[in-house]
Amino acid sequence: MVEHMVLLKFSPSTTNEQKEEVIHRTLLLKEQIPGIVDIQQGFNFSSRSQGFEMGLTVRFEDKSSLENYGPHPAHQAVFNFLKEIGLVDLIIVDFVIN
């Protein structure tokens, strides 16, 4: 299995409602994209986040499933929404689960 981790930082103008909508849309991807085993997403509550406000983990069956995820139209729609509402920065880490 493969774990895909993402940290998101937003513009100060991004509303909490928009951030909640990101979570809603992201969680729906499990039913829309083959190879996703699990998705978790939520708001940071730690002071150690260096300004990153939201975390996301997506567990995939294998590397091939992760490779198909990026260009998938449902994922691209969520990513485009992120850009529309003021995504400022993100960090992505992918690793194989042993």
C-alpha atoms as a PDB file:
ATOM      1  CA  MET A   1       0.000   0.000   0.000  1.00  0.00           C
ATOM      2  CA  VAL A   2       0.955   3.623  -0.510  1.00  0.00           C
ATOM      3  CA  GLU A   3       0.295   6.585   1.788  1.00  0.00           C
ATOM      4  CA  HIS A   4      -0.169  10.050   0.230  1.00  0.00           C
ATOM      5  CA  MET A   5       0.097  12.921   2.721  1.00  0.00           C
ATOM      6  CA  VAL A   6      -0.735  16.555   1.932  1.00  0.00           C
ATOM      7  CA  LEU A   7      -0.510  19.696   4.065  1.00  0.00           C
ATOM      8  CA  LEU A   8      -2.476  22.748   2.882  1.00  0.00           C
ATOM      9  CA  LYS A   9      -2.002  26.462   3.555  1.00  0.00           C
ATOM     10  CA  PHE A  10      -4.678  28.973   2.558  1.00  0.00           C
ATOM     11  CA  SER A  11      -4.952  32.690   1.970  1.00  0.00           C
ATOM     12  CA  PRO A  12      -6.336  34.735   4.885  1.00  0.00           C
ATOM     13  CA  SER A  13      -9.342  35.472   2.650  1.00  0.00           C
ATOM     14  CA  THR A  14     -10.317  31.780   2.426  1.00  0.00           C
ATOM     15  CA  THR A  15     -13.422  31.217   4.567  1.00  0.00           C
ATOM     16  CA  ASN A  16     -14.081  28.358   6.963  1.00  0.00           C
ATOM     17  CA  GLU A  17     -17.075  27.410   4.811  1.00  0.00           C
ATOM     18  CA  GLN A  18     -14.792  27.049   1.788  1.00  0.00           C
ATOM     19  CA  LYS A  19     -12.363  24.922   3.798  1.00  0.00           C
ATOM     20  CA  GLU A  20     -15.235  22.707   4.990  1.00  0.00           C
ATOM     21  CA  GLU A  21     -16.289  22.325   1.353  1.00  0.00           C
ATOM     22  CA  VAL A  22     -12.755  21.152   0.492  1.00  0.00           C
ATOM     23  CA  ILE A  23     -13.083  18.386   3.078  1.00  0.00           C
ATOM     24  CA  HIS A  24     -16.523  17.403   1.785  1.00  0.00           C
ATOM     25  CA  ARG A  25     -15.345  17.220  -1.838  1.00  0.00           C
ATOM     26  CA  THR A  26     -12.145  15.380  -0.955  1.00  0.00           C
ATOM     27  CA  LEU A  27     -13.866  12.667   1.064  1.00  0.00           C
ATOM     28  CA  LEU A  28     -16.133  11.927  -1.923  1.00  0.00           C
ATOM     29  CA  LEU A  29     -13.086  10.956  -3.989  1.00  0.00           C
ATOM     30  CA  LYS A  30     -13.038   7.531  -2.323  1.00  0.00           C
ATOM     31  CA  GLU A  31     -16.176   6.608  -4.265  1.00  0.00           C
ATOM     32  CA  GLN A  32     -15.009   8.264  -7.483  1.00  0.00           C
ATOM     33  CA  ILE A  33     -11.414   7.117  -7.988  1.00  0.00           C
ATOM     34  CA  PRO A  34     -10.390   3.447  -8.178  1.00  0.00           C
ATOM     35  CA  GLY A  35      -7.620   2.229  -5.911  1.00  0.00           C
ATOM     36  CA  ILE A  36      -8.332   4.470  -2.916  1.00  0.00           C
ATOM     37  CA  VAL A  37      -8.477   2.422   0.285  1.00  0.00           C
ATOM     38  CA  ASP A  38      -9.076   5.301   2.714  1.00  0.00           C
ATOM     39  CA  ILE A  39      -9.158   9.106   2.940  1.00  0.00           C
ATOM     40  CA  GLN A  40      -8.839  11.215   6.071  1.00  0.00           C
ATOM     41  CA  GLN A  41      -8.783  14.997   6.208  1.00  0.00           C
ATOM     42  CA  GLY A  42      -9.103  17.593   8.924  1.00  0.00           C
ATOM     43  CA  PHE A  43      -8.068  20.931  10.401  1.00  0.00           C
ATOM     44  CA  ASN A  44      -4.769  21.352  12.192  1.00  0.00           C
ATOM     45  CA  PHE A  45      -4.983  22.147  15.906  1.00  0.00           C
ATOM     46  CA  SER A  46      -1.254  22.215  16.650  1.00  0.00           C
ATOM     47  CA  SER A  47       0.947  25.292  16.964  1.00  0.00           C
ATOM     48  CA  ARG A  48       3.742  23.325  15.234  1.00  0.00           C
ATOM     49  CA  SER A  49       2.198  23.464  11.744  1.00  0.00           C
ATOM     50  CA  GLN A  50       4.201  26.416  10.359  1.00  0.00           C
ATOM     51  CA  GLY A  51       0.973  27.940   9.036  1.00  0.00           C
ATOM     52  CA  PHE A  52      -0.380  24.818   7.339  1.00  0.00           C
ATOM     53  CA  GLU A  53      -4.047  24.652   8.257  1.00  0.00           C
ATOM     54  CA  MET A  54      -5.263  21.302   6.978  1.00  0.00           C
ATOM     55  CA  GLY A  55      -3.916  17.786   6.619  1.00  0.00           C
ATOM     56  CA  LEU A  56      -4.950  15.039   4.217  1.00  0.00           C
ATOM     57  CA  THR A  57      -3.983  11.395   3.981  1.00  0.00           C
ATOM     58  CA  VAL A  58      -5.021   9.092   1.158  1.00  0.00           C
ATOM     59  CA  ARG A  59      -4.169   5.390   1.288  1.00  0.00           C
ATOM     60  CA  PHE A  60      -3.893   3.626  -2.073  1.00  0.00           C
ATOM     61  CA  GLU A  61      -3.736  -0.028  -3.009  1.00  0.00           C
ATOM     62  CA  ASP A  62      -0.445   0.510  -4.863  1.00  0.00           C
ATOM     63  CA  LYS A  63       1.761   3.033  -6.680  1.00  0.00           C
ATOM     64  CA  SER A  64      -0.231   2.619  -9.875  1.00  0.00           C
ATOM     65  CA  SER A  65      -3.383   3.772  -8.072  1.00  0.00           C
ATOM     66  CA  LEU A  66      -1.541   6.873  -6.828  1.00  0.00           C
ATOM     67  CA  GLU A  67      -0.308   7.596 -10.352  1.00  0.00           C
ATOM     68  CA  ASN A  68      -3.876   7.399 -11.676  1.00  0.00           C
ATOM     69  CA  TYR A  69      -5.173   9.664  -8.884  1.00  0.00           C
ATOM     70  CA  GLY A  70      -3.299  12.844  -9.892  1.00  0.00           C
ATOM     71  CA  PRO A  71      -4.724  13.295 -13.386  1.00  0.00           C
ATOM     72  CA  HIS A  72      -8.162  11.837 -12.584  1.00  0.00           C
ATOM     73  CA  PRO A  73     -10.900  14.405 -13.447  1.00  0.00           C
ATOM     74  CA  ALA A  74     -12.485  14.159  -9.964  1.00  0.00           C
ATOM     75  CA  HIS A  75      -9.144  14.931  -8.281  1.00  0.00           C
ATOM     76  CA  GLN A  76      -8.445  17.738 -10.736  1.00  0.00           C
ATOM     77  CA  ALA A  77     -11.845  19.289  -9.904  1.00  0.00           C
ATOM     78  CA  VAL A  78     -10.955  19.354  -6.187  1.00  0.00           C
ATOM     79  CA  PHE A  79      -7.498  20.770  -6.929  1.00  0.00           C
ATOM     80  CA  ASN A  80      -8.999  23.492  -9.128  1.00  0.00           C
ATOM     81  CA  PHE A  81     -11.420  24.391  -6.325  1.00  0.00           C
ATOM     82  CA  LEU A  82      -8.457  24.674  -3.934  1.00  0.00           C
ATOM     83  CA  LYS A  83      -6.778  27.137  -6.280  1.00  0.00           C
ATOM     84  CA  GLU A  84     -10.024  29.113  -6.689  1.00  0.00           C
ATOM     85  CA  ILE A  85     -10.498  29.585  -2.938  1.00  0.00           C
ATOM     86  CA  GLY A  86      -6.935  30.672  -2.218  1.00  0.00           C
ATOM     87  CA  LEU A  87      -4.534  27.763  -1.815  1.00  0.00           C
ATOM     88  CA  VAL A  88      -1.178  29.390  -1.009  1.00  0.00           C
ATOM     89  CA  ASP A  89       1.125  26.419  -0.488  1.00  0.00           C
ATOM     90  CA  LEU A  90       1.159  22.664  -0.057  1.00  0.00           C
ATOM     91  CA  ILE A  91       3.547  19.913   0.938  1.00  0.00           C
ATOM     92  CA  ILE A  92       3.171  16.398  -0.431  1.00  0.00           C
ATOM     93  CA  VAL A  93       4.850  13.242   0.849  1.00  0.00           C
ATOM     94  CA  ASP A  94       4.266   9.779  -0.627  1.00  0.00           C
ATOM     95  CA  PHE A  95       5.626   6.558   0.853  1.00  0.00           C
ATOM     96  CA  VAL A  96       5.157   2.812   0.678  1.00  0.00           C
ATOM     97  CA  ILE A  97       3.643   1.214   3.770  1.00  0.00           C
ATOM     98  CA  ASN A  98       5.588  -1.895   4.767  1.00  0.00           C
END
